[in-house]
Every structure is written in structure tokens, then in C-alpha cells.
Amino acid sequence: MFPLWINILIAISTFFLMEGVAWATHKYIMHGLLWNWHKSHHTPYAGTFEKNDLFGLVFSVPAAASIMAGIEFAELRFLLWIGIGITAYGIFYVLFHDVLVHQRIKHGLRPENKYLRRMIRAHKIHHKCTTKEGAEAFGFLYAPPKYEASVYKSKDAKQSDLIANQESRHITQ
């Protein structure tokens, strides 16, 4: 239906849009309505799987449905490429989140790449919060530059800086 380059553009666009979908889902569903599944990911667990892994099954449904509909119905072929973009995002998520960050497959690699280190740092900061509320850094494949090691200050450090600044102003007055 569309030329190949348009289909590839659809898949790539879907891949990048998935980060926004994942961020919103993580913040408002995983740390909201379905916290009872996601909290297993913020606490120590024994075994290979955690309840949070159910999200992978749930998120595979739109990808699989899009791919099947796009293959089955020529007029919906664009859905095949959307499904490919969603699936590619899922693959990157597993490789980055489960393998690189959480080392669910032990490998001993420690990335030197500045981008990957910022992502890992943001995710570890996210995991410092073990409750439904109060977390930050909800992205999976993108973290703002504020999570660079040289830039980031925790909420506690910012609060103690604020108190110190207030005290020093009070003393000098």
C-alpha cells in the first residue's frame, strides 16, 4: 500500500513514540492502578520471574495484534509496520532494562558509553523509591541530561542545600 520507505518510517516513528507510551504507562499505570504488579520490581525477589513480568505479556498483545492484522488485511498493512516498531522497542527494552541494568542474565559488562551510563543512573535513581509515590525517571530508553553523574543531585541533597542556603542567609542578616 505504502512505499517501503514510508513503512520503515512508520516502524521507526512507532519505536520512538513507544518511549512516550512507556513513560506514561510506567508513571500512571505501573505506579498507579497496577502498582500491585509493579511493586515486585521495586523489592527483592527470589526466582527467575517477578509479577512485574506480566507487563511484558500485556504489552505484547498490541504488537502481535498489529502484526497479524497487517499481514492478514492488505488495507491495514501499515499495522504490520506499527507492530514491528512496538516489537523493536520491546526488544531494546529487554536488552537494556533486563539484561544491561538489572543483569537478569549475568554478564559483568559495565558500559563506558555516556548515554548508557546516564540511562543506568536514572534507572537506579528510579529504584531508590520503593513505594508507589515519589519516584522519578520513568523512561526506559531515554533519560534527560539532568541524570548525568556530574549534574544530578538527589532530592535529599537539594533539600539540604536549600536548608544550608537559608541558614547561611539567616546568619549573615
Protein backbone atom coordinates (compact mmCIF):
# COMPACT_ATOMS: atom_id res chain seq x y z
CA MET A 1 0.00 0.00 0.00
CA PHE A 2 2.74 2.49 1.01
CA PRO A 3 6.24 2.54 -0.45
CA LEU A 4 8.84 0.68 1.60
CA TRP A 5 10.48 3.88 2.86
CA ILE A 6 7.15 5.08 4.32
CA ASN A 7 6.66 1.71 6.03
CA ILE A 8 10.14 1.88 7.52
CA LEU A 9 9.43 5.44 8.66
CA ILE A 10 6.21 4.19 10.32
CA ALA A 11 8.18 1.49 12.18
CA ILE A 12 10.91 3.93 13.29
CA SER A 13 8.37 6.56 14.35
CA THR A 14 6.44 3.94 16.31
CA PHE A 15 9.65 2.85 18.04
CA PHE A 16 10.35 6.41 19.23
CA LEU A 17 6.71 7.11 20.15
CA MET A 18 6.77 3.99 22.31
CA GLU A 19 9.10 5.74 24.76
CA GLY A 20 6.33 8.26 25.47
CA VAL A 21 3.77 5.49 25.79
CA ALA A 22 6.11 3.53 28.07
CA TRP A 23 6.88 6.63 30.20
CA ALA A 24 3.17 7.40 30.70
CA THR A 25 2.32 3.76 31.34
CA HIS A 26 5.16 3.45 33.84
CA LYS A 27 4.21 6.63 35.71
CA TYR A 28 0.42 6.41 35.68
CA ILE A 29 -0.36 2.69 35.42
CA MET A 30 2.62 0.84 36.89
CA HIS A 31 2.99 3.40 39.69
CA GLY A 32 -0.79 3.81 39.82
CA LEU A 33 -3.61 1.39 39.16
CA LEU A 34 -1.38 -1.70 38.70
CA TRP A 35 1.19 -1.00 41.40
CA ASN A 36 0.36 -4.41 42.88
CA TRP A 37 2.13 -5.96 39.84
CA HIS A 38 4.95 -3.44 39.53
CA LYS A 39 5.96 -3.29 43.21
CA SER A 40 7.57 -6.71 42.76
CA HIS A 41 10.13 -4.93 40.59
CA HIS A 42 11.00 -2.43 43.34
CA THR A 43 11.59 -5.05 46.04
CA PRO A 44 13.97 -8.02 46.26
CA TYR A 45 12.54 -11.25 44.92
CA ALA A 46 13.60 -14.86 44.71
CA GLY A 47 13.42 -16.81 41.49
CA THR A 48 13.62 -16.06 37.81
CA PHE A 49 10.39 -14.18 37.30
CA GLU A 50 8.56 -11.42 39.15
CA LYS A 51 4.94 -10.34 38.94
CA ASN A 52 6.08 -7.23 37.03
CA ASP A 53 6.99 -9.51 34.09
CA LEU A 54 3.27 -9.80 33.34
CA PHE A 55 3.50 -6.33 31.77
CA GLY A 56 5.65 -7.83 29.00
CA LEU A 57 2.85 -10.22 28.15
CA VAL A 58 0.26 -7.44 28.23
CA PHE A 59 2.37 -5.16 26.02
CA SER A 60 3.00 -7.94 23.50
CA VAL A 61 -0.73 -8.13 22.69
CA PRO A 62 -0.97 -4.85 20.69
CA ALA A 63 2.29 -5.68 18.90
CA ALA A 64 1.13 -9.17 17.92
CA ALA A 65 -2.39 -7.99 17.01
CA SER A 66 -0.96 -5.20 14.82
CA ILE A 67 1.41 -7.58 13.04
CA MET A 68 -1.31 -10.19 12.45
CA ALA A 69 -3.87 -7.63 11.22
CA GLY A 70 -1.26 -6.01 8.96
CA ILE A 71 -0.36 -9.36 7.40
CA GLU A 72 -3.97 -10.56 7.07
CA PHE A 73 -5.59 -7.42 5.64
CA ALA A 74 -3.86 -5.57 2.80
CA GLU A 75 -5.72 -2.33 3.55
CA LEU A 76 -4.29 -2.45 7.09
CA ARG A 77 -0.70 -3.24 6.03
CA PHE A 78 0.56 -0.17 7.91
CA LEU A 79 -0.34 -2.01 11.14
CA LEU A 80 2.36 -4.56 10.33
CA TRP A 81 4.95 -1.76 10.50
CA ILE A 82 3.46 -0.35 13.68
CA GLY A 83 3.69 -3.83 15.20
CA ILE A 84 7.31 -4.09 14.06
CA GLY A 85 8.09 -0.74 15.76
CA ILE A 86 6.42 -1.86 19.00
CA THR A 87 8.28 -5.18 18.88
CA ALA A 88 11.63 -3.47 18.23
CA TYR A 89 11.01 -1.23 21.26
CA GLY A 90 10.23 -4.33 23.34
CA ILE A 91 13.47 -5.99 22.25
CA PHE A 92 15.51 -2.88 23.13
CA TYR A 93 13.67 -2.65 26.47
CA VAL A 94 14.54 -6.25 27.38
CA LEU A 95 18.18 -5.86 26.31
CA PHE A 96 18.64 -2.57 28.13
CA HIS A 97 16.40 -2.90 31.19
CA ASP A 98 16.51 -6.60 32.00
CA VAL A 99 19.95 -7.55 30.68
CA LEU A 100 22.13 -4.42 30.98
CA VAL A 101 20.63 -2.64 34.02
CA HIS A 102 19.20 -5.44 36.17
CA GLN A 103 21.55 -8.15 34.86
CA ARG A 104 18.87 -10.81 34.84
CA ILE A 105 21.32 -12.54 32.53
CA LYS A 106 24.69 -12.24 34.27
CA HIS A 107 27.33 -10.70 32.01
CA GLY A 108 29.64 -8.45 34.04
CA LEU A 109 29.67 -5.69 31.40
CA ARG A 110 29.97 -2.11 32.62
CA PRO A 111 29.24 0.28 29.77
CA GLU A 112 31.54 3.25 29.30
CA ASN A 113 29.17 4.98 26.87
CA LYS A 114 27.98 8.27 28.42
CA TYR A 115 24.37 7.79 27.22
CA LEU A 116 24.09 4.25 28.61
CA ARG A 117 25.64 5.30 31.93
CA ARG A 118 23.10 8.16 32.20
CA MET A 119 20.26 5.72 31.50
CA ILE A 120 21.52 3.24 34.08
CA ARG A 121 21.95 6.04 36.64
CA ALA A 122 18.41 7.35 36.02
CA HIS A 123 17.00 3.86 36.40
CA LYS A 124 18.89 3.23 39.62
CA ILE A 125 17.61 6.58 40.92
CA HIS A 126 14.11 5.44 39.99
CA HIS A 127 14.61 2.27 42.04
CA LYS A 128 15.69 4.18 45.16
CA CYS A 129 11.99 4.76 45.67
CA THR A 130 10.30 1.54 46.79
CA THR A 131 6.80 2.98 47.08
CA LYS A 132 4.02 3.79 44.65
CA GLU A 133 4.52 7.55 45.06
CA GLY A 134 7.65 9.67 44.98
CA ALA A 135 9.57 8.01 42.15
CA GLU A 136 11.25 9.89 39.30
CA ALA A 137 12.86 8.95 35.97
CA PHE A 138 10.08 6.88 34.38
CA GLY A 139 11.66 6.50 30.94
CA PHE A 140 13.11 3.21 29.77
CA LEU A 141 15.33 4.17 26.83
CA TYR A 142 15.73 7.90 27.41
CA ALA A 143 16.86 9.90 30.42
CA PRO A 144 17.19 13.69 30.41
CA PRO A 145 20.70 15.14 30.73
CA LYS A 146 19.94 16.07 34.36
CA TYR A 147 20.79 12.45 35.22
CA GLU A 148 24.41 12.86 34.16
CA ALA A 149 26.58 11.98 37.15
CA SER A 150 28.13 15.45 37.05
CA VAL A 151 24.73 17.20 37.07
CA TYR A 152 22.31 15.12 39.13
CA LYS A 153 21.57 15.94 42.75
CA SER A 154 19.10 13.86 44.68
CA LYS A 155 16.01 15.41 46.24
CA ASP A 156 17.64 14.99 49.67
CA ALA A 157 20.81 16.78 48.52
CA LYS A 158 18.75 19.60 47.00
CA GLN A 159 16.76 19.91 50.25
CA SER A 160 19.91 20.02 52.39
CA ASP A 161 21.41 22.65 50.01
CA LEU A 162 18.25 24.71 50.37
CA ILE A 163 18.37 24.46 54.17
CA ALA A 164 22.08 25.34 54.21
CA ASN A 165 21.46 28.37 51.97
CA GLN A 166 18.60 29.53 54.20
CA GLU A 167 20.72 29.09 57.32
CA SER A 168 23.67 30.99 55.83
CA ARG A 169 21.36 33.85 54.79
CA HIS A 170 19.86 33.90 58.30
CA ILE A 171 23.32 34.01 59.92
CA THR A 172 24.54 36.87 57.69
CA GLN A 173 21.44 39.01 58.30
